Full PDB file with SEQRES, HELIX, SHEET, SSBOND, CRYST1, ORIGX, SCALE, CONECT and MASTER records, all heavy atoms in Angstrom:
SEQRES   1 A   35  GLY TYR ALA THR TRP LEU PHE TRP ASP GLY ARG ARG ASP          
SEQRES   2 A   35  SER LEU TRP ALA GLN ALA LEU GLY PRO LEU GLU ASN ALA          
SEQRES   3 A   35  GLY GLU HIS GLY GLY ASN ARG THR MET                          
HELIX    1 AA1 LEU A   15  GLU A   24  1                                  10    
CRYST1    1.000    1.000    1.000  90.00  90.00  90.00 P 1           1          
ORIGX1      1.000000  0.000000  0.000000        0.00000                         
ORIGX2      0.000000  1.000000  0.000000        0.00000                         
ORIGX3      0.000000  0.000000  1.000000        0.00000                         
SCALE1      1.000000  0.000000  0.000000        0.00000                         
SCALE2      0.000000  1.000000  0.000000        0.00000                         
SCALE3      0.000000  0.000000  1.000000        0.00000                         
ATOM      1  N   GLY A   1      -2.374  23.473   4.789  1.00  0.00           N  
ATOM      2  CA  GLY A   1      -2.878  23.482   6.154  1.00  0.00           C  
ATOM      3  C   GLY A   1      -4.212  24.182   6.312  1.00  0.00           C  
ATOM      4  O   GLY A   1      -4.882  24.046   7.346  1.00  0.00           O  
ATOM      5  N   TYR A   2      -4.637  24.940   5.294  1.00  0.00           N  
ATOM      6  CA  TYR A   2      -5.938  25.619   5.332  1.00  0.00           C  
ATOM      7  C   TYR A   2      -7.068  24.737   4.789  1.00  0.00           C  
ATOM      8  O   TYR A   2      -8.242  25.091   4.922  1.00  0.00           O  
ATOM      9  CB  TYR A   2      -5.890  26.901   4.502  1.00  0.00           C  
ATOM     10  CG  TYR A   2      -5.057  27.992   5.113  1.00  0.00           C  
ATOM     11  CD1 TYR A   2      -3.714  28.132   4.789  1.00  0.00           C  
ATOM     12  CD2 TYR A   2      -5.613  28.888   6.022  1.00  0.00           C  
ATOM     13  CE1 TYR A   2      -2.938  29.141   5.351  1.00  0.00           C  
ATOM     14  CE2 TYR A   2      -4.848  29.901   6.592  1.00  0.00           C  
ATOM     15  CZ  TYR A   2      -3.511  30.016   6.246  1.00  0.00           C  
ATOM     16  OH  TYR A   2      -2.752  31.009   6.812  1.00  0.00           O  
ATOM     17  N   ALA A   3      -6.730  23.626   4.170  1.00  0.00           N  
ATOM     18  CA  ALA A   3      -7.729  22.847   3.441  1.00  0.00           C  
ATOM     19  C   ALA A   3      -8.608  22.019   4.364  1.00  0.00           C  
ATOM     20  O   ALA A   3      -8.135  21.426   5.343  1.00  0.00           O  
ATOM     21  CB  ALA A   3      -7.042  21.935   2.428  1.00  0.00           C  
ATOM     22  N   THR A   4      -9.876  21.963   4.050  1.00  0.00           N  
ATOM     23  CA  THR A   4     -10.801  21.078   4.753  1.00  0.00           C  
ATOM     24  C   THR A   4     -10.734  19.677   4.178  1.00  0.00           C  
ATOM     25  O   THR A   4     -10.809  18.690   4.913  1.00  0.00           O  
ATOM     26  CB  THR A   4     -12.242  21.611   4.620  1.00  0.00           C  
ATOM     27  OG1 THR A   4     -12.301  22.919   5.188  1.00  0.00           O  
ATOM     28  CG2 THR A   4     -13.239  20.708   5.334  1.00  0.00           C  
ATOM     29  N   TRP A   5     -10.611  19.592   2.853  1.00  0.00           N  
ATOM     30  CA  TRP A   5     -10.570  18.298   2.163  1.00  0.00           C  
ATOM     31  C   TRP A   5      -9.254  18.196   1.406  1.00  0.00           C  
ATOM     32  O   TRP A   5      -8.808  19.150   0.785  1.00  0.00           O  
ATOM     33  CB  TRP A   5     -11.747  18.157   1.188  1.00  0.00           C  
ATOM     34  CG  TRP A   5     -13.069  18.467   1.810  1.00  0.00           C  
ATOM     35  CD1 TRP A   5     -13.873  19.536   1.552  1.00  0.00           C  
ATOM     36  CD2 TRP A   5     -13.760  17.698   2.803  1.00  0.00           C  
ATOM     37  NE1 TRP A   5     -15.001  19.490   2.316  1.00  0.00           N  
ATOM     38  CE2 TRP A   5     -14.968  18.365   3.095  1.00  0.00           C  
ATOM     39  CE3 TRP A   5     -13.472  16.507   3.469  1.00  0.00           C  
ATOM     40  CZ2 TRP A   5     -15.875  17.885   4.030  1.00  0.00           C  
ATOM     41  CZ3 TRP A   5     -14.379  16.035   4.401  1.00  0.00           C  
ATOM     42  CH2 TRP A   5     -15.565  16.711   4.668  1.00  0.00           C  
ATOM     43  N   LEU A   6      -8.651  17.013   1.424  1.00  0.00           N  
ATOM     44  CA  LEU A   6      -7.361  16.776   0.790  1.00  0.00           C  
ATOM     45  C   LEU A   6      -7.487  15.794  -0.365  1.00  0.00           C  
ATOM     46  O   LEU A   6      -8.399  14.974  -0.389  1.00  0.00           O  
ATOM     47  CB  LEU A   6      -6.355  16.239   1.814  1.00  0.00           C  
ATOM     48  CG  LEU A   6      -5.731  17.223   2.816  1.00  0.00           C  
ATOM     49  CD1 LEU A   6      -4.993  18.351   2.091  1.00  0.00           C  
ATOM     50  CD2 LEU A   6      -6.751  17.796   3.779  1.00  0.00           C  
ATOM     51  N   PHE A   7      -6.538  15.866  -1.277  1.00  0.00           N  
ATOM     52  CA  PHE A   7      -6.509  15.146  -2.543  1.00  0.00           C  
ATOM     53  C   PHE A   7      -7.474  15.817  -3.520  1.00  0.00           C  
ATOM     54  O   PHE A   7      -8.327  16.629  -3.140  1.00  0.00           O  
ATOM     55  CB  PHE A   7      -6.859  13.660  -2.397  1.00  0.00           C  
ATOM     56  CG  PHE A   7      -5.814  12.822  -1.703  1.00  0.00           C  
ATOM     57  CD1 PHE A   7      -6.083  12.226  -0.475  1.00  0.00           C  
ATOM     58  CD2 PHE A   7      -4.569  12.607  -2.266  1.00  0.00           C  
ATOM     59  CE1 PHE A   7      -5.138  11.439   0.164  1.00  0.00           C  
ATOM     60  CE2 PHE A   7      -3.617  11.825  -1.632  1.00  0.00           C  
ATOM     61  CZ  PHE A   7      -3.897  11.244  -0.416  1.00  0.00           C  
ATOM     62  N   TRP A   8      -7.328  15.467  -4.781  1.00  0.00           N  
ATOM     63  CA  TRP A   8      -8.179  16.046  -5.830  1.00  0.00           C  
ATOM     64  C   TRP A   8      -9.664  15.775  -5.561  1.00  0.00           C  
ATOM     65  O   TRP A   8     -10.525  16.562  -5.932  1.00  0.00           O  
ATOM     66  CB  TRP A   8      -7.805  15.450  -7.187  1.00  0.00           C  
ATOM     67  CG  TRP A   8      -6.533  15.970  -7.776  1.00  0.00           C  
ATOM     68  CD1 TRP A   8      -5.287  15.402  -7.711  1.00  0.00           C  
ATOM     69  CD2 TRP A   8      -6.373  17.174  -8.538  1.00  0.00           C  
ATOM     70  NE1 TRP A   8      -4.370  16.180  -8.373  1.00  0.00           N  
ATOM     71  CE2 TRP A   8      -4.999  17.271  -8.901  1.00  0.00           C  
ATOM     72  CE3 TRP A   8      -7.249  18.170  -8.952  1.00  0.00           C  
ATOM     73  CZ2 TRP A   8      -4.492  18.334  -9.660  1.00  0.00           C  
ATOM     74  CZ3 TRP A   8      -6.753  19.224  -9.703  1.00  0.00           C  
ATOM     75  CH2 TRP A   8      -5.392  19.306 -10.057  1.00  0.00           C  
ATOM     76  N   ASP A   9      -9.949  14.628  -4.931  1.00  0.00           N  
ATOM     77  CA  ASP A   9     -11.345  14.234  -4.714  1.00  0.00           C  
ATOM     78  C   ASP A   9     -11.797  14.419  -3.276  1.00  0.00           C  
ATOM     79  O   ASP A   9     -12.904  14.039  -2.913  1.00  0.00           O  
ATOM     80  CB  ASP A   9     -11.562  12.781  -5.147  1.00  0.00           C  
ATOM     81  CG  ASP A   9     -10.640  11.795  -4.427  1.00  0.00           C  
ATOM     82  OD1 ASP A   9      -9.904  12.216  -3.508  1.00  0.00           O  
ATOM     83  OD2 ASP A   9     -10.647  10.600  -4.804  1.00  0.00           O  
ATOM     84  N   GLY A  10     -10.932  14.980  -2.409  1.00  0.00           N  
ATOM     85  CA  GLY A  10     -11.317  15.225  -1.026  1.00  0.00           C  
ATOM     86  C   GLY A  10     -11.539  13.974  -0.210  1.00  0.00           C  
ATOM     87  O   GLY A  10     -12.344  13.966   0.725  1.00  0.00           O  
ATOM     88  N   ARG A  11     -10.796  12.911  -0.509  1.00  0.00           N  
ATOM     89  CA  ARG A  11     -11.045  11.640   0.189  1.00  0.00           C  
ATOM     90  C   ARG A  11     -10.398  11.559   1.565  1.00  0.00           C  
ATOM     91  O   ARG A  11     -10.500  10.526   2.241  1.00  0.00           O  
ATOM     92  CB  ARG A  11     -10.608  10.465  -0.675  1.00  0.00           C  
ATOM     93  CG  ARG A  11      -9.122  10.350  -0.950  1.00  0.00           C  
ATOM     94  CD  ARG A  11      -8.847   9.174  -1.887  1.00  0.00           C  
ATOM     95  NE  ARG A  11      -7.427   8.967  -2.136  1.00  0.00           N  
ATOM     96  CZ  ARG A  11      -6.726   9.578  -3.069  1.00  0.00           C  
ATOM     97  NH1 ARG A  11      -7.311  10.478  -3.859  1.00  0.00           N  
ATOM     98  NH2 ARG A  11      -5.435   9.303  -3.238  1.00  0.00           N  
ATOM     99  N   ARG A  12      -9.712  12.604   1.997  1.00  0.00           N  
ATOM    100  CA  ARG A  12      -9.187  12.699   3.354  1.00  0.00           C  
ATOM    101  C   ARG A  12      -9.587  14.058   3.927  1.00  0.00           C  
ATOM    102  O   ARG A  12      -9.739  15.040   3.190  1.00  0.00           O  
ATOM    103  CB  ARG A  12      -7.664  12.546   3.376  1.00  0.00           C  
ATOM    104  CG  ARG A  12      -7.162  11.176   2.908  1.00  0.00           C  
ATOM    105  CD  ARG A  12      -7.525  10.077   3.881  1.00  0.00           C  
ATOM    106  NE  ARG A  12      -6.967   8.783   3.482  1.00  0.00           N  
ATOM    107  CZ  ARG A  12      -7.583   7.913   2.691  1.00  0.00           C  
ATOM    108  NH1 ARG A  12      -8.789   8.198   2.191  1.00  0.00           N  
ATOM    109  NH2 ARG A  12      -7.020   6.757   2.390  1.00  0.00           N  
ATOM    110  N   ASP A  13      -9.730  14.126   5.243  1.00  0.00           N  
ATOM    111  CA  ASP A  13     -10.214  15.362   5.855  1.00  0.00           C  
ATOM    112  C   ASP A  13      -9.197  16.000   6.799  1.00  0.00           C  
ATOM    113  O   ASP A  13      -9.551  16.860   7.605  1.00  0.00           O  
ATOM    114  CB  ASP A  13     -11.551  15.141   6.567  1.00  0.00           C  
ATOM    115  CG  ASP A  13     -11.442  14.177   7.751  1.00  0.00           C  
ATOM    116  OD1 ASP A  13     -10.376  13.544   7.927  1.00  0.00           O  
ATOM    117  OD2 ASP A  13     -12.429  14.064   8.507  1.00  0.00           O  
ATOM    118  N   SER A  14      -7.944  15.590   6.707  1.00  0.00           N  
ATOM    119  CA  SER A  14      -6.874  16.257   7.458  1.00  0.00           C  
ATOM    120  C   SER A  14      -5.559  15.996   6.738  1.00  0.00           C  
ATOM    121  O   SER A  14      -5.428  15.021   5.973  1.00  0.00           O  
ATOM    122  CB  SER A  14      -6.791  15.738   8.900  1.00  0.00           C  
ATOM    123  OG  SER A  14      -6.304  14.409   8.913  1.00  0.00           O  
ATOM    124  N   LEU A  15      -4.577  16.853   7.009  1.00  0.00           N  
ATOM    125  CA  LEU A  15      -3.266  16.655   6.393  1.00  0.00           C  
ATOM    126  C   LEU A  15      -2.602  15.379   6.893  1.00  0.00           C  
ATOM    127  O   LEU A  15      -1.892  14.707   6.148  1.00  0.00           O  
ATOM    128  CB  LEU A  15      -2.370  17.855   6.703  1.00  0.00           C  
ATOM    129  CG  LEU A  15      -2.227  18.932   5.629  1.00  0.00           C  
ATOM    130  CD1 LEU A  15      -1.290  20.030   6.119  1.00  0.00           C  
ATOM    131  CD2 LEU A  15      -1.724  18.357   4.314  1.00  0.00           C  
ATOM    132  N   TRP A  16      -2.803  15.024   8.159  1.00  0.00           N  
ATOM    133  CA  TRP A  16      -2.151  13.811   8.657  1.00  0.00           C  
ATOM    134  C   TRP A  16      -2.775  12.561   8.042  1.00  0.00           C  
ATOM    135  O   TRP A  16      -2.058  11.601   7.707  1.00  0.00           O  
ATOM    136  CB  TRP A  16      -2.146  13.757  10.184  1.00  0.00           C  
ATOM    137  CG  TRP A  16      -3.474  13.645  10.879  1.00  0.00           C  
ATOM    138  CD1 TRP A  16      -4.247  14.668  11.335  1.00  0.00           C  
ATOM    139  CD2 TRP A  16      -4.171  12.440  11.234  1.00  0.00           C  
ATOM    140  NE1 TRP A  16      -5.386  14.180  11.942  1.00  0.00           N  
ATOM    141  CE2 TRP A  16      -5.354  12.813  11.909  1.00  0.00           C  
ATOM    142  CE3 TRP A  16      -3.897  11.082  11.068  1.00  0.00           C  
ATOM    143  CZ2 TRP A  16      -6.285  11.887  12.390  1.00  0.00           C  
ATOM    144  CZ3 TRP A  16      -4.810  10.144  11.544  1.00  0.00           C  
ATOM    145  CH2 TRP A  16      -5.989  10.554  12.194  1.00  0.00           C  
ATOM    146  N   ALA A  17      -4.087  12.563   7.872  1.00  0.00           N  
ATOM    147  CA  ALA A  17      -4.726  11.418   7.222  1.00  0.00           C  
ATOM    148  C   ALA A  17      -4.307  11.325   5.767  1.00  0.00           C  
ATOM    149  O   ALA A  17      -4.099  10.230   5.227  1.00  0.00           O  
ATOM    150  CB  ALA A  17      -6.244  11.523   7.346  1.00  0.00           C  
ATOM    151  N   GLN A  18      -4.187  12.483   5.117  1.00  0.00           N  
ATOM    152  CA  GLN A  18      -3.722  12.506   3.726  1.00  0.00           C  
ATOM    153  C   GLN A  18      -2.327  11.910   3.614  1.00  0.00           C  
ATOM    154  O   GLN A  18      -2.029  11.121   2.710  1.00  0.00           O  
ATOM    155  CB  GLN A  18      -3.732  13.942   3.203  1.00  0.00           C  
ATOM    156  CG  GLN A  18      -3.280  14.101   1.757  1.00  0.00           C  
ATOM    157  CD  GLN A  18      -1.765  14.135   1.598  1.00  0.00           C  
ATOM    158  OE1 GLN A  18      -1.066  14.655   2.458  1.00  0.00           O  
ATOM    159  NE2 GLN A  18      -1.268  13.579   0.510  1.00  0.00           N  
ATOM    160  N   ALA A  19      -1.438  12.275   4.551  1.00  0.00           N  
ATOM    161  CA  ALA A  19      -0.051  11.814   4.483  1.00  0.00           C  
ATOM    162  C   ALA A  19       0.065  10.304   4.616  1.00  0.00           C  
ATOM    163  O   ALA A  19       1.002   9.691   4.074  1.00  0.00           O  
ATOM    164  CB  ALA A  19       0.772  12.498   5.575  1.00  0.00           C  
ATOM    165  N   LEU A  20      -0.863   9.679   5.321  1.00  0.00           N  
ATOM    166  CA  LEU A  20      -0.795   8.241   5.533  1.00  0.00           C  
ATOM    167  C   LEU A  20      -1.170   7.451   4.281  1.00  0.00           C  
ATOM    168  O   LEU A  20      -0.675   6.338   4.085  1.00  0.00           O  
ATOM    169  CB  LEU A  20      -1.709   7.834   6.690  1.00  0.00           C  
ATOM    170  CG  LEU A  20      -1.314   8.372   8.074  1.00  0.00           C  
ATOM    171  CD1 LEU A  20      -2.343   7.958   9.114  1.00  0.00           C  
ATOM    172  CD2 LEU A  20       0.074   7.880   8.464  1.00  0.00           C  
ATOM    173  N   GLY A  21      -2.027   8.005   3.442  1.00  0.00           N  
ATOM    174  CA  GLY A  21      -2.491   7.274   2.269  1.00  0.00           C  
ATOM    175  C   GLY A  21      -1.374   6.783   1.364  1.00  0.00           C  
ATOM    176  O   GLY A  21      -1.291   5.580   1.050  1.00  0.00           O  
ATOM    177  N   PRO A  22      -0.479   7.667   0.904  1.00  0.00           N  
ATOM    178  CA  PRO A  22       0.590   7.218   0.005  1.00  0.00           C  
ATOM    179  C   PRO A  22       1.547   6.214   0.637  1.00  0.00           C  
ATOM    180  O   PRO A  22       2.128   5.382  -0.070  1.00  0.00           O  
ATOM    181  CB  PRO A  22       1.320   8.530  -0.332  1.00  0.00           C  
ATOM    182  CG  PRO A  22       0.302   9.597  -0.138  1.00  0.00           C  
ATOM    183  CD  PRO A  22      -0.519   9.129   1.024  1.00  0.00           C  
ATOM    184  N   LEU A  23       1.733   6.264   1.956  1.00  0.00           N  
ATOM    185  CA  LEU A  23       2.720   5.396   2.587  1.00  0.00           C  
ATOM    186  C   LEU A  23       2.387   3.917   2.416  1.00  0.00           C  
ATOM    187  O   LEU A  23       3.275   3.080   2.226  1.00  0.00           O  
ATOM    188  CB  LEU A  23       2.842   5.731   4.079  1.00  0.00           C  
ATOM    189  CG  LEU A  23       3.517   7.064   4.408  1.00  0.00           C  
ATOM    190  CD1 LEU A  23       3.404   7.366   5.902  1.00  0.00           C  
ATOM    191  CD2 LEU A  23       4.977   7.057   3.979  1.00  0.00           C  
ATOM    192  N   GLU A  24       1.094   3.567   2.477  1.00  0.00           N  
ATOM    193  CA  GLU A  24       0.702   2.165   2.310  1.00  0.00           C  
ATOM    194  C   GLU A  24       0.104   1.876   0.941  1.00  0.00           C  
ATOM    195  O   GLU A  24      -0.309   0.741   0.675  1.00  0.00           O  
ATOM    196  CB  GLU A  24      -0.289   1.760   3.411  1.00  0.00           C  
ATOM    197  CG  GLU A  24       0.374   1.563   4.768  1.00  0.00           C  
ATOM    198  CD  GLU A  24      -0.503   0.854   5.781  1.00  0.00           C  
ATOM    199  OE1 GLU A  24      -1.718   1.141   5.845  1.00  0.00           O  
ATOM    200  OE2 GLU A  24       0.032   0.008   6.521  1.00  0.00           O  
ATOM    201  N   ASN A  25       0.089   2.871   0.069  1.00  0.00           N  
ATOM    202  CA  ASN A  25      -0.405   2.649  -1.289  1.00  0.00           C  
ATOM    203  C   ASN A  25       0.641   1.862  -2.085  1.00  0.00           C  
ATOM    204  O   ASN A  25       1.810   2.252  -2.149  1.00  0.00           O  
ATOM    205  CB  ASN A  25      -0.695   3.988  -1.962  1.00  0.00           C  
ATOM    206  CG  ASN A  25      -1.285   3.825  -3.349  1.00  0.00           C  
ATOM    207  OD1 ASN A  25      -0.607   3.439  -4.285  1.00  0.00           O  
ATOM    208  ND2 ASN A  25      -2.569   4.144  -3.480  1.00  0.00           N  
ATOM    209  N   ALA A  26       0.223   0.771  -2.711  1.00  0.00           N  
ATOM    210  CA  ALA A  26       1.169  -0.106  -3.403  1.00  0.00           C  
ATOM    211  C   ALA A  26       1.910   0.598  -4.524  1.00  0.00           C  
ATOM    212  O   ALA A  26       3.070   0.265  -4.816  1.00  0.00           O  
ATOM    213  CB  ALA A  26       0.421  -1.319  -3.960  1.00  0.00           C  
ATOM    214  N   GLY A  27       1.275   1.590  -5.164  1.00  0.00           N  
ATOM    215  CA  GLY A  27       1.906   2.278  -6.281  1.00  0.00           C  
ATOM    216  C   GLY A  27       2.726   3.479  -5.875  1.00  0.00           C  
ATOM    217  O   GLY A  27       3.458   4.034  -6.708  1.00  0.00           O  
ATOM    218  N   GLU A  28       2.611   3.912  -4.616  1.00  0.00           N  
ATOM    219  CA  GLU A  28       3.349   5.109  -4.177  1.00  0.00           C  
ATOM    220  C   GLU A  28       4.556   4.702  -3.327  1.00  0.00           C  
ATOM    221  O   GLU A  28       5.601   4.374  -3.865  1.00  0.00           O  
ATOM    222  CB  GLU A  28       2.394   6.059  -3.472  1.00  0.00           C  
ATOM    223  CG  GLU A  28       1.297   6.568  -4.442  1.00  0.00           C  
ATOM    224  CD  GLU A  28       0.423   7.642  -3.854  1.00  0.00           C  
ATOM    225  OE1 GLU A  28       0.968   8.704  -3.478  1.00  0.00           O  
ATOM    226  OE2 GLU A  28      -0.802   7.422  -3.775  1.00  0.00           O  
ATOM    227  N   HIS A  29       4.445   4.669  -2.005  1.00  0.00           N  
ATOM    228  CA  HIS A  29       5.580   4.237  -1.189  1.00  0.00           C  
ATOM    229  C   HIS A  29       5.650   2.717  -1.072  1.00  0.00           C  
ATOM    230  O   HIS A  29       6.729   2.162  -0.888  1.00  0.00           O  
ATOM    231  CB  HIS A  29       5.493   4.864   0.202  1.00  0.00           C  
ATOM    232  CG  HIS A  29       5.689   6.344   0.197  1.00  0.00           C  
ATOM    233  ND1 HIS A  29       6.750   6.963   0.819  1.00  0.00           N  
ATOM    234  CD2 HIS A  29       4.965   7.356  -0.359  1.00  0.00           C  
ATOM    235  CE1 HIS A  29       6.671   8.274   0.661  1.00  0.00           C  
ATOM    236  NE2 HIS A  29       5.585   8.533  -0.049  1.00  0.00           N  
ATOM    237  N   GLY A  30       4.500   2.066  -1.123  1.00  0.00           N  
ATOM    238  CA  GLY A  30       4.467   0.614  -1.190  1.00  0.00           C  
ATOM    239  C   GLY A  30       4.846  -0.119   0.077  1.00  0.00           C  
ATOM    240  O   GLY A  30       5.076  -1.333   0.040  1.00  0.00           O  
ATOM    241  N   GLY A  31       4.925   0.580   1.216  1.00  0.00           N  
ATOM    242  CA  GLY A  31       5.307  -0.068   2.466  1.00  0.00           C  
ATOM    243  C   GLY A  31       4.104  -0.396   3.320  1.00  0.00           C  
ATOM    244  O   GLY A  31       2.972  -0.482   2.845  1.00  0.00           O  
ATOM    245  N   ASN A  32       4.336  -0.576   4.620  1.00  0.00           N  
ATOM    246  CA  ASN A  32       3.264  -0.900   5.543  1.00  0.00           C  
ATOM    247  C   ASN A  32       3.632  -0.398   6.930  1.00  0.00           C  
ATOM    248  O   ASN A  32       4.781  -0.055   7.218  1.00  0.00           O  
ATOM    249  CB  ASN A  32       2.991  -2.404   5.552  1.00  0.00           C  
ATOM    250  CG  ASN A  32       4.243  -3.203   5.855  1.00  0.00           C  
ATOM    251  OD1 ASN A  32       4.723  -3.207   6.988  1.00  0.00           O  
ATOM    252  ND2 ASN A  32       4.781  -3.866   4.831  1.00  0.00           N  
ATOM    253  N   ARG A  33       2.651  -0.357   7.801  1.00  0.00           N  
ATOM    254  CA  ARG A  33       2.832   0.350   9.069  1.00  0.00           C  
ATOM    255  C   ARG A  33       3.819  -0.315  10.022  1.00  0.00           C  
ATOM    256  O   ARG A  33       4.522   0.385  10.763  1.00  0.00           O  
ATOM    257  CB  ARG A  33       1.471   0.599   9.727  1.00  0.00           C  
ATOM    258  CG  ARG A  33       0.619  -0.603  10.004  1.00  0.00           C  
ATOM    259  CD  ARG A  33      -0.822  -0.209  10.331  1.00  0.00           C  
ATOM    260  NE  ARG A  33      -1.517   0.353   9.160  1.00  0.00           N  
ATOM    261  CZ  ARG A  33      -2.811   0.725   9.173  1.00  0.00           C  
ATOM    262  NH1 ARG A  33      -3.532   0.606  10.280  1.00  0.00           N  
ATOM    263  NH2 ARG A  33      -3.363   1.209   8.082  1.00  0.00           N  
ATOM    264  N   THR A  34       3.920  -1.644  10.023  1.00  0.00           N  
ATOM    265  CA  THR A  34       4.902  -2.263  10.899  1.00  0.00           C  
ATOM    266  C   THR A  34       6.325  -1.972  10.420  1.00  0.00           C  
ATOM    267  O   THR A  34       7.220  -1.673  11.216  1.00  0.00           O  
ATOM    268  CB  THR A  34       4.674  -3.789  10.984  1.00  0.00           C  
ATOM    269  OG1 THR A  34       3.328  -4.036  11.381  1.00  0.00           O  
ATOM    270  CG2 THR A  34       5.617  -4.425  11.975  1.00  0.00           C  
ATOM    271  N   MET A  35       6.527  -2.014   9.123  1.00  0.00           N  
ATOM    272  CA  MET A  35       7.825  -1.662   8.547  1.00  0.00           C  
ATOM    273  C   MET A  35       8.224  -0.241   8.939  1.00  0.00           C  
ATOM    274  O   MET A  35       9.366   0.021   9.354  1.00  0.00           O  
ATOM    275  CB  MET A  35       7.734  -1.781   7.028  1.00  0.00           C  
ATOM    276  CG  MET A  35       8.905  -1.194   6.262  1.00  0.00           C  
ATOM    277  SD  MET A  35       8.532  -1.139   4.494  1.00  0.00           S  
ATOM    278  CE  MET A  35       9.450   0.321   4.029  1.00  0.00           C  
TER     279      MET A  35                                                      
MASTER        0    0    0    1    0    0    0    6  278    1    0    3          
END                                                                             
């Protein structure tokens, strides 16, 4: 919660934006927002 940049490469700028990435990533959760 203290971080300005998230992920190893800082490709997200908030914890909530970071959390959304894996959910629709085909190799991680593999789902989609309507589901």
